[in-house]
């Protein structure tokens, strides 16, 4: 189970989708009314061009605010997925060992050398608790710490 981290701060312009759509509808009705009142105009008036640029600017500003947040979330979820894979890999190896193996003696261990994750930005530790929660059962907890100190933790029980 991964440890939740604080949500990144997001910025919005304060307009909901409904408000934007209603605004565009009112603008369209207004432009149609102007074109009916002045029937023989060709091209766009300066006001129409400025309103179009304003709408385009607001749209581009909204997109530019969302891009960094999306990139941060994308990177963070990729790091969490890699940490989860490293934790699952260690947990699978430990579950394959016999109950009496020395790697399953009670204590906390840090993987290093050939057992360390292939990415040096991650550290992997595991803890073995004997006779927990009952006699003849060992609780294994694998913790992987990734970039920005985000942790992923997996737990399981093994029996004799």
C-alpha atoms as a PDB file:
ATOM      1  CA  UNK A   1       0.000   0.000   0.000  1.00  0.00           C
ATOM      2  CA  UNK A   2       1.490   3.317  -0.972  1.00  0.00           C
ATOM      3  CA  UNK A   3       1.676   6.192   1.465  1.00  0.00           C
ATOM      4  CA  UNK A   4      -0.447   9.113   0.274  1.00  0.00           C
ATOM      5  CA  UNK A   5       1.403  12.301  -0.416  1.00  0.00           C
ATOM      6  CA  UNK A   6       0.088  15.848  -0.342  1.00  0.00           C
ATOM      7  CA  UNK A   7      -1.768  16.807  -3.482  1.00  0.00           C
ATOM      8  CA  UNK A   8       0.027  19.335  -5.657  1.00  0.00           C
ATOM      9  CA  UNK A   9      -1.404  22.824  -5.627  1.00  0.00           C
ATOM     10  CA  UNK A  10      -3.460  23.560  -8.729  1.00  0.00           C
ATOM     11  CA  UNK A  11      -4.527  26.906 -10.081  1.00  0.00           C
ATOM     12  CA  UNK A  12      -7.738  27.609 -11.934  1.00  0.00           C
ATOM     13  CA  UNK A  13      -9.183  30.678 -13.559  1.00  0.00           C
ATOM     14  CA  UNK A  14     -12.380  30.401 -11.560  1.00  0.00           C
ATOM     15  CA  UNK A  15     -14.689  29.593 -14.484  1.00  0.00           C
ATOM     16  CA  UNK A  16     -16.630  26.365 -14.712  1.00  0.00           C
ATOM     17  CA  UNK A  17     -17.307  24.718 -18.042  1.00  0.00           C
ATOM     18  CA  UNK A  18     -20.971  25.749 -17.835  1.00  0.00           C
ATOM     19  CA  UNK A  19     -20.031  29.407 -17.275  1.00  0.00           C
ATOM     20  CA  UNK A  20     -17.709  29.371 -20.278  1.00  0.00           C
ATOM     21  CA  UNK A  21     -20.324  27.713 -22.496  1.00  0.00           C
ATOM     22  CA  UNK A  22     -23.023  30.190 -21.414  1.00  0.00           C
ATOM     23  CA  UNK A  23     -20.620  33.054 -22.104  1.00  0.00           C
ATOM     24  CA  UNK A  24     -19.853  31.717 -25.568  1.00  0.00           C
ATOM     25  CA  UNK A  25     -23.578  31.281 -26.249  1.00  0.00           C
ATOM     26  CA  UNK A  26     -24.311  34.877 -25.243  1.00  0.00           C
ATOM     27  CA  UNK A  27     -21.401  36.096 -27.364  1.00  0.00           C
ATOM     28  CA  UNK A  28     -22.652  34.126 -30.363  1.00  0.00           C
ATOM     29  CA  UNK A  29     -26.184  35.491 -29.966  1.00  0.00           C
ATOM     30  CA  UNK A  30     -24.788  39.016 -29.692  1.00  0.00           C
ATOM     31  CA  UNK A  31     -22.694  38.597 -32.833  1.00  0.00           C
ATOM     32  CA  UNK A  32     -25.698  37.209 -34.732  1.00  0.00           C
ATOM     33  CA  UNK A  33     -27.796  40.174 -33.604  1.00  0.00           C
ATOM     34  CA  UNK A  34     -25.138  42.581 -34.843  1.00  0.00           C
ATOM     35  CA  UNK A  35     -24.927  40.813 -38.198  1.00  0.00           C
ATOM     36  CA  UNK A  36     -28.733  41.026 -38.594  1.00  0.00           C
ATOM     37  CA  UNK A  37     -28.793  44.731 -37.768  1.00  0.00           C
ATOM     38  CA  UNK A  38     -25.984  45.522 -40.190  1.00  0.00           C
ATOM     39  CA  UNK A  39     -26.799  43.208 -43.112  1.00  0.00           C
ATOM     40  CA  UNK A  40     -24.236  44.308 -45.716  1.00  0.00           C
ATOM     41  CA  UNK A  41     -20.978  44.066 -43.792  1.00  0.00           C
ATOM     42  CA  UNK A  42     -18.094  42.063 -45.147  1.00  0.00           C
ATOM     43  CA  UNK A  43     -15.400  40.592 -42.905  1.00  0.00           C
ATOM     44  CA  UNK A  44     -15.061  41.127 -39.171  1.00  0.00           C
ATOM     45  CA  UNK A  45     -15.323  44.267 -37.117  1.00  0.00           C
ATOM     46  CA  UNK A  46     -12.562  45.268 -34.744  1.00  0.00           C
ATOM     47  CA  UNK A  47     -14.757  44.376 -31.765  1.00  0.00           C
ATOM     48  CA  UNK A  48     -15.362  40.854 -33.104  1.00  0.00           C
ATOM     49  CA  UNK A  49     -11.645  40.320 -33.615  1.00  0.00           C
ATOM     50  CA  UNK A  50     -10.814  41.586 -30.113  1.00  0.00           C
ATOM     51  CA  UNK A  51     -13.464  39.381 -28.496  1.00  0.00           C
ATOM     52  CA  UNK A  52     -12.160  36.378 -30.441  1.00  0.00           C
ATOM     53  CA  UNK A  53      -8.608  37.111 -29.309  1.00  0.00           C
ATOM     54  CA  UNK A  54      -9.809  37.472 -25.712  1.00  0.00           C
ATOM     55  CA  UNK A  55     -11.488  34.057 -25.843  1.00  0.00           C
ATOM     56  CA  UNK A  56      -8.409  32.506 -27.452  1.00  0.00           C
ATOM     57  CA  UNK A  57      -6.156  34.083 -24.808  1.00  0.00           C
ATOM     58  CA  UNK A  58      -8.280  32.745 -21.948  1.00  0.00           C
ATOM     59  CA  UNK A  59      -8.228  29.255 -23.490  1.00  0.00           C
ATOM     60  CA  UNK A  60      -4.464  29.279 -23.995  1.00  0.00           C
ATOM     61  CA  UNK A  61      -3.911  30.591 -20.477  1.00  0.00           C
ATOM     62  CA  UNK A  62      -6.019  27.778 -19.049  1.00  0.00           C
ATOM     63  CA  UNK A  63      -4.020  25.195 -21.006  1.00  0.00           C
ATOM     64  CA  UNK A  64      -0.689  26.701 -19.988  1.00  0.00           C
ATOM     65  CA  UNK A  65      -1.690  26.469 -16.322  1.00  0.00           C
ATOM     66  CA  UNK A  66      -2.645  22.777 -16.678  1.00  0.00           C
ATOM     67  CA  UNK A  67       0.497  21.583 -18.504  1.00  0.00           C
ATOM     68  CA  UNK A  68       2.994  21.809 -15.594  1.00  0.00           C
ATOM     69  CA  UNK A  69       0.539  20.123 -13.228  1.00  0.00           C
ATOM     70  CA  UNK A  70      -0.106  17.321 -15.706  1.00  0.00           C
ATOM     71  CA  UNK A  71       3.628  16.812 -16.240  1.00  0.00           C
ATOM     72  CA  UNK A  72       4.285  16.681 -12.480  1.00  0.00           C
ATOM     73  CA  UNK A  73       1.487  14.161 -11.945  1.00  0.00           C
ATOM     74  CA  UNK A  74       2.705  12.057 -14.883  1.00  0.00           C
ATOM     75  CA  UNK A  75       6.270  11.948 -13.552  1.00  0.00           C
ATOM     76  CA  UNK A  76       5.144  11.248 -10.000  1.00  0.00           C
ATOM     77  CA  UNK A  77       2.921   8.348 -11.010  1.00  0.00           C
ATOM     78  CA  UNK A  78       5.743   6.874 -13.104  1.00  0.00           C
ATOM     79  CA  UNK A  79       8.072   7.013 -10.092  1.00  0.00           C
ATOM     80  CA  UNK A  80       5.436   5.378  -7.883  1.00  0.00           C
ATOM     81  CA  UNK A  81       4.910   2.598 -10.419  1.00  0.00           C
ATOM     82  CA  UNK A  82       8.635   1.875 -10.561  1.00  0.00           C
ATOM     83  CA  UNK A  83       8.863   1.848  -6.751  1.00  0.00           C
ATOM     84  CA  UNK A  84       5.927  -0.543  -6.582  1.00  0.00           C
ATOM     85  CA  UNK A  85       7.630  -2.872  -9.074  1.00  0.00           C
ATOM     86  CA  UNK A  86      10.833  -2.866  -6.988  1.00  0.00           C
ATOM     87  CA  UNK A  87       8.833  -3.639  -3.820  1.00  0.00           C
ATOM     88  CA  UNK A  88       6.900  -6.439  -5.508  1.00  0.00           C
ATOM     89  CA  UNK A  89      10.129  -7.921  -6.857  1.00  0.00           C
ATOM     90  CA  UNK A  90      11.672  -8.135  -3.358  1.00  0.00           C
ATOM     91  CA  UNK A  91       8.465  -9.464  -1.818  1.00  0.00           C
ATOM     92  CA  UNK A  92       8.259 -12.242  -4.423  1.00  0.00           C
ATOM     93  CA  UNK A  93      11.864 -13.267  -3.713  1.00  0.00           C
ATOM     94  CA  UNK A  94      11.251 -13.360   0.042  1.00  0.00           C
ATOM     95  CA  UNK A  95       8.057 -15.403  -0.284  1.00  0.00           C
ATOM     96  CA  UNK A  96       9.932 -17.975  -2.385  1.00  0.00           C
ATOM     97  CA  UNK A  97      12.434 -18.625   0.443  1.00  0.00           C
ATOM     98  CA  UNK A  98      11.959 -21.408   3.003  1.00  0.00           C
ATOM     99  CA  UNK A  99      10.462 -20.249   6.314  1.00  0.00           C
ATOM    100  CA  UNK A 100      13.724 -20.943   8.181  1.00  0.00           C
ATOM    101  CA  UNK A 101      16.023 -19.112   5.718  1.00  0.00           C
ATOM    102  CA  UNK A 102      18.456 -16.656   7.340  1.00  0.00           C
ATOM    103  CA  UNK A 103      17.086 -13.823   5.181  1.00  0.00           C
ATOM    104  CA  UNK A 104      13.800 -14.264   7.059  1.00  0.00           C
ATOM    105  CA  UNK A 105      15.252 -13.846  10.553  1.00  0.00           C
ATOM    106  CA  UNK A 106      13.608 -11.055  12.533  1.00  0.00           C
ATOM    107  CA  UNK A 107      15.121  -7.653  11.816  1.00  0.00           C
ATOM    108  CA  UNK A 108      15.367  -4.833   9.308  1.00  0.00           C
ATOM    109  CA  UNK A 109      17.488  -5.251   6.167  1.00  0.00           C
ATOM    110  CA  UNK A 110      18.589  -2.849   3.456  1.00  0.00           C
ATOM    111  CA  UNK A 111      19.183  -4.179  -0.033  1.00  0.00           C
ATOM    112  CA  UNK A 112      22.594  -3.400  -1.447  1.00  0.00           C
ATOM    113  CA  UNK A 113      24.889  -4.666  -4.179  1.00  0.00           C
ATOM    114  CA  UNK A 114      23.228  -7.195  -6.470  1.00  0.00           C
ATOM    115  CA  UNK A 115      19.991  -7.066  -4.437  1.00  0.00           C
ATOM    116  CA  UNK A 116      19.573  -3.290  -4.736  1.00  0.00           C
ATOM    117  CA  UNK A 117      17.033  -1.836  -7.189  1.00  0.00           C
ATOM    118  CA  UNK A 118      18.463  -1.284 -10.652  1.00  0.00           C
ATOM    119  CA  UNK A 119      17.750   2.458 -10.418  1.00  0.00           C
ATOM    120  CA  UNK A 120      20.072   4.201  -7.943  1.00  0.00           C
ATOM    121  CA  UNK A 121      17.385   6.809  -7.108  1.00  0.00           C
ATOM    122  CA  UNK A 122      15.542   4.162  -5.081  1.00  0.00           C
ATOM    123  CA  UNK A 123      16.381   2.454  -1.803  1.00  0.00           C
ATOM    124  CA  UNK A 124      14.700  -0.750  -0.703  1.00  0.00           C
ATOM    125  CA  UNK A 125      14.441  -2.078   2.835  1.00  0.00           C
ATOM    126  CA  UNK A 126      12.486  -4.931   4.302  1.00  0.00           C
ATOM    127  CA  UNK A 127      11.516  -5.802   7.823  1.00  0.00           C
ATOM    128  CA  UNK A 128      10.772  -9.274   9.189  1.00  0.00           C
ATOM    129  CA  UNK A 129       8.699  -9.611  12.351  1.00  0.00           C
ATOM    130  CA  UNK A 130       8.585 -13.139  13.799  1.00  0.00           C
ATOM    131  CA  UNK A 131       5.490 -14.547  15.510  1.00  0.00           C
ATOM    132  CA  UNK A 132       3.410 -11.583  14.423  1.00  0.00           C
ATOM    133  CA  UNK A 133       0.393 -11.481  14.632  1.00  0.00           C
ATOM    134  CA  UNK A 134       0.405 -15.083  15.973  1.00  0.00           C
ATOM    135  CA  UNK A 135       3.036 -17.753  16.647  1.00  0.00           C
ATOM    136  CA  UNK A 136       4.405 -19.465  13.527  1.00  0.00           C
ATOM    137  CA  UNK A 137       3.721 -16.470  11.294  1.00  0.00           C
ATOM    138  CA  UNK A 138       6.164 -13.858  10.019  1.00  0.00           C
ATOM    139  CA  UNK A 139       5.123 -10.438   8.800  1.00  0.00           C
ATOM    140  CA  UNK A 140       7.173  -9.068   5.896  1.00  0.00           C
ATOM    141  CA  UNK A 141       7.143  -5.357   5.150  1.00  0.00           C
ATOM    142  CA  UNK A 142       8.986  -4.111   2.062  1.00  0.00           C
ATOM    143  CA  UNK A 143       9.511  -0.356   1.786  1.00  0.00           C
ATOM    144  CA  UNK A 144      10.869   1.379  -1.307  1.00  0.00           C
ATOM    145  CA  UNK A 145      11.798   5.042  -1.088  1.00  0.00           C
ATOM    146  CA  UNK A 146      11.991   6.858  -4.396  1.00  0.00           C
ATOM    147  CA  UNK A 147      12.762  10.353  -5.626  1.00  0.00           C
ATOM    148  CA  UNK A 148      11.487  13.175  -3.411  1.00  0.00           C
ATOM    149  CA  UNK A 149      11.317  10.697  -0.493  1.00  0.00           C
ATOM    150  CA  UNK A 150       8.023   9.192  -1.653  1.00  0.00           C
ATOM    151  CA  UNK A 151       7.528   5.728  -0.178  1.00  0.00           C
ATOM    152  CA  UNK A 152       5.735   2.617  -1.355  1.00  0.00           C
ATOM    153  CA  UNK A 153       5.159  -0.123   1.202  1.00  0.00           C
ATOM    154  CA  UNK A 154       3.937  -3.699   0.701  1.00  0.00           C
ATOM    155  CA  UNK A 155       3.133  -6.123   3.515  1.00  0.00           C
ATOM    156  CA  UNK A 156       2.410  -9.854   3.607  1.00  0.00           C
ATOM    157  CA  UNK A 157       2.346 -12.771   6.038  1.00  0.00           C
ATOM    158  CA  UNK A 158       4.144 -16.096   5.603  1.00  0.00           C
ATOM    159  CA  UNK A 159       3.675 -19.288   7.578  1.00  0.00           C
ATOM    160  CA  UNK A 160       5.693 -22.435   8.197  1.00  0.00           C
END
